[in-house]
C-alpha atoms as a PDB file:
ATOM      1  CA  MET A   1      51.802 -42.228  80.983  1.00  0.00           C
ATOM      2  CA  ILE A   2      51.545 -42.884  77.248  1.00  0.00           C
ATOM      3  CA  ARG A   3      48.322 -41.769  75.605  1.00  0.00           C
ATOM      4  CA  ALA A   4      46.204 -44.793  74.668  1.00  0.00           C
ATOM      5  CA  PRO A   5      43.103 -45.191  72.511  1.00  0.00           C
ATOM      6  CA  SER A   6      39.913 -46.087  74.333  1.00  0.00           C
ATOM      7  CA  VAL A   7      38.647 -49.664  74.480  1.00  0.00           C
ATOM      8  CA  LYS A   8      35.828 -48.576  72.151  1.00  0.00           C
ATOM      9  CA  SER A   9      38.336 -47.179  69.617  1.00  0.00           C
ATOM     10  CA  LEU A  10      40.424 -50.336  69.772  1.00  0.00           C
ATOM     11  CA  ALA A  11      37.305 -52.443  69.271  1.00  0.00           C
ATOM     12  CA  SER A  12      36.523 -50.398  66.141  1.00  0.00           C
ATOM     13  CA  VAL A  13      39.445 -52.070  64.327  1.00  0.00           C
ATOM     14  CA  GLY A  14      37.980 -55.508  64.965  1.00  0.00           C
ATOM     15  CA  VAL A  15      39.498 -56.687  68.235  1.00  0.00           C
ATOM     16  CA  THR A  16      37.289 -58.185  70.921  1.00  0.00           C
ATOM     17  CA  GLN A  17      36.487 -56.177  74.047  1.00  0.00           C
ATOM     18  CA  ARG A  18      38.751 -58.499  76.030  1.00  0.00           C
ATOM     19  CA  ASP A  19      41.674 -58.043  73.617  1.00  0.00           C
ATOM     20  CA  ALA A  20      41.072 -54.283  73.540  1.00  0.00           C
ATOM     21  CA  LYS A  21      41.373 -54.188  77.333  1.00  0.00           C
ATOM     22  CA  VAL A  22      44.594 -56.250  77.227  1.00  0.00           C
ATOM     23  CA  ILE A  23      46.110 -53.955  74.586  1.00  0.00           C
ATOM     24  CA  ARG A  24      45.090 -50.816  76.486  1.00  0.00           C
ATOM     25  CA  GLU A  25      46.538 -52.210  79.725  1.00  0.00           C
ATOM     26  CA  ALA A  26      49.821 -53.000  77.940  1.00  0.00           C
ATOM     27  CA  ILE A  27      49.991 -49.384  76.767  1.00  0.00           C
ATOM     28  CA  HIS A  28      49.259 -48.030  80.256  1.00  0.00           C
ATOM     29  CA  SER A  29      51.835 -50.292  81.868  1.00  0.00           C
ATOM     30  CA  ALA A  30      54.466 -48.655  79.615  1.00  0.00           C
ATOM     31  CA  ARG A  31      55.199 -51.757  77.578  1.00  0.00           C
ATOM     32  CA  GLU A  32      57.407 -51.255  74.525  1.00  0.00           C
ATOM     33  CA  ALA A  33      55.544 -50.086  71.425  1.00  0.00           C
ATOM     34  CA  ASP A  34      56.648 -53.187  69.533  1.00  0.00           C
ATOM     35  CA  TYR A  35      55.144 -55.441  72.216  1.00  0.00           C
ATOM     36  CA  VAL A  36      51.811 -53.587  72.104  1.00  0.00           C
ATOM     37  CA  LEU A  37      51.720 -53.686  68.309  1.00  0.00           C
ATOM     38  CA  GLU A  38      52.472 -57.434  68.319  1.00  0.00           C
ATOM     39  CA  LEU A  39      49.505 -57.943  70.683  1.00  0.00           C
ATOM     40  CA  ALA A  40      47.307 -55.944  68.325  1.00  0.00           C
ATOM     41  CA  ASP A  41      48.639 -57.770  65.258  1.00  0.00           C
ATOM     42  CA  SER A  42      47.617 -61.106  66.750  1.00  0.00           C
ATOM     43  CA  ALA A  43      44.195 -59.767  67.801  1.00  0.00           C
ATOM     44  CA  ILE A  44      43.100 -57.777  64.714  1.00  0.00           C
ATOM     45  CA  PRO A  45      41.433 -59.982  62.093  1.00  0.00           C
ATOM     46  CA  GLY A  46      43.281 -59.821  58.767  1.00  0.00           C
ATOM     47  CA  ALA A  47      46.385 -58.136  60.176  1.00  0.00           C
ATOM     48  CA  CYS A  48      49.506 -58.670  58.084  1.00  0.00           C
ATOM     49  CA  GLY A  49      52.300 -57.865  60.538  1.00  0.00           C
ATOM     50  CA  ILE A  50      53.969 -54.740  61.860  1.00  0.00           C
ATOM     51  CA  GLU A  51      55.334 -52.103  59.487  1.00  0.00           C
ATOM     52  CA  ALA A  52      57.464 -49.008  59.928  1.00  0.00           C
ATOM     53  CA  LEU A  53      56.668 -45.745  58.175  1.00  0.00           C
ATOM     54  CA  ARG A  54      59.883 -43.934  57.351  1.00  0.00           C
ATOM     55  CA  ASP A  55      60.808 -40.677  55.707  1.00  0.00           C
ATOM     56  CA  ASP A  56      64.360 -39.587  54.945  1.00  0.00           C
ATOM     57  CA  ARG A  57      63.457 -36.000  55.919  1.00  0.00           C
ATOM     58  CA  ALA A  58      62.817 -37.119  59.495  1.00  0.00           C
ATOM     59  CA  PHE A  59      65.113 -37.655  62.424  1.00  0.00           C
ATOM     60  CA  VAL A  60      63.104 -38.680  65.456  1.00  0.00           C
ATOM     61  CA  ASP A  61      65.931 -39.724  67.775  1.00  0.00           C
ATOM     62  CA  ARG A  62      68.895 -42.092  67.960  1.00  0.00           C
ATOM     63  CA  PHE A  63      66.625 -45.111  68.395  1.00  0.00           C
ATOM     64  CA  TYR A  64      63.984 -44.496  65.717  1.00  0.00           C
ATOM     65  CA  TYR A  65      66.157 -42.449  63.300  1.00  0.00           C
ATOM     66  CA  ASP A  66      63.821 -41.750  60.342  1.00  0.00           C
ATOM     67  CA  THR A  67      60.924 -43.956  61.491  1.00  0.00           C
ATOM     68  CA  ILE A  68      57.987 -41.610  62.030  1.00  0.00           C
ATOM     69  CA  ALA A  69      55.428 -44.305  62.896  1.00  0.00           C
ATOM     70  CA  ILE A  70      54.994 -48.012  63.482  1.00  0.00           C
ATOM     71  CA  TYR A  71      51.635 -49.606  62.743  1.00  0.00           C
ATOM     72  CA  VAL A  72      49.713 -52.855  62.315  1.00  0.00           C
ATOM     73  CA  ASN A  73      49.489 -53.492  58.580  1.00  0.00           C
ATOM     74  CA  LEU A  74      45.954 -54.288  57.430  1.00  0.00           C
ATOM     75  CA  GLY A  75      46.780 -54.344  53.716  1.00  0.00           C
ATOM     76  CA  ASP A  76      44.995 -51.066  52.960  1.00  0.00           C
ATOM     77  CA  THR A  77      46.669 -47.661  53.130  1.00  0.00           C
ATOM     78  CA  TYR A  78      43.531 -45.975  54.463  1.00  0.00           C
ATOM     79  CA  ALA A  79      42.136 -48.681  56.760  1.00  0.00           C
ATOM     80  CA  PRO A  80      42.040 -47.548  60.409  1.00  0.00           C
ATOM     81  CA  THR A  81      44.609 -49.415  62.474  1.00  0.00           C
ATOM     82  CA  LEU A  82      46.680 -49.122  65.641  1.00  0.00           C
ATOM     83  CA  LEU A  83      49.567 -46.747  65.016  1.00  0.00           C
ATOM     84  CA  PHE A  84      52.398 -45.526  67.243  1.00  0.00           C
ATOM     85  CA  ASP A  85      53.662 -42.004  66.515  1.00  0.00           C
ATOM     86  CA  THR A  86      57.361 -42.214  67.401  1.00  0.00           C
ATOM     87  CA  ALA A  87      57.930 -38.471  67.790  1.00  0.00           C
ATOM     88  CA  ARG A  88      54.944 -37.940  70.083  1.00  0.00           C
ATOM     89  CA  GLY A  89      55.212 -41.293  71.845  1.00  0.00           C
ATOM     90  CA  ALA A  90      51.476 -41.836  71.430  1.00  0.00           C
ATOM     91  CA  PHE A  91      49.221 -44.588  70.111  1.00  0.00           C
ATOM     92  CA  SER A  92      46.171 -43.792  68.016  1.00  0.00           C
ATOM     93  CA  ILE A  93      43.616 -45.420  65.774  1.00  0.00           C
ATOM     94  CA  CYS A  94      44.058 -44.017  62.285  1.00  0.00           C
ATOM     95  CA  SER A  95      45.168 -45.060  58.827  1.00  0.00           C
ATOM     96  CA  TRP A  96      48.870 -44.917  58.120  1.00  0.00           C
ATOM     97  CA  GLY A  97      48.074 -43.116  54.842  1.00  0.00           C
ATOM     98  CA  GLY A  98      46.168 -40.369  56.650  1.00  0.00           C
ATOM     99  CA  PHE A  99      48.887 -40.104  59.274  1.00  0.00           C
ATOM    100  CA  TYR A 100      51.563 -39.720  56.603  1.00  0.00           C
ATOM    101  CA  GLU A 101      49.594 -37.052  54.725  1.00  0.00           C
ATOM    102  CA  SER A 102      49.227 -35.067  57.977  1.00  0.00           C
ATOM    103  CA  TRP A 103      52.920 -35.517  58.767  1.00  0.00           C
ATOM    104  CA  LYS A 104      53.936 -34.239  55.309  1.00  0.00           C
ATOM    105  CA  ALA A 105      51.626 -31.224  55.688  1.00  0.00           C
ATOM    106  CA  ARG A 106      53.241 -30.374  59.044  1.00  0.00           C
ATOM    107  CA  GLN A 107      56.676 -30.624  57.439  1.00  0.00           C
ATOM    108  CA  ARG A 108      55.669 -28.158  54.698  1.00  0.00           C
ATOM    109  CA  GLN A 109      54.393 -25.727  57.342  1.00  0.00           C
ATOM    110  CA  GLU A 110      57.652 -25.939  59.265  1.00  0.00           C
ATOM    111  CA  ASP A 111      59.768 -25.288  56.136  1.00  0.00           C
END
């Protein structure tokens, strides 16, 4: 089963309790990440679509290539949002800017 944020965490980005439950259920029923993110994009007020976070130093797999995360764009680098970590196969509530900083730090440690 894919790790999913709690209903409370999902609600913290502005979705209703009902929408948070629908999104969480979609994650637990192993729906594609894109499907889940589209649900969240339509439910989060002010969402601006789905974006991919890429880095040419990464190679996740033959499907994602250099895409390290996919997230709901809220127009602010550090606004908490729903993000899918492609390497870990896990959803979380975090900013894509914070995620990328952590990812870069892990890359430096591995070098």
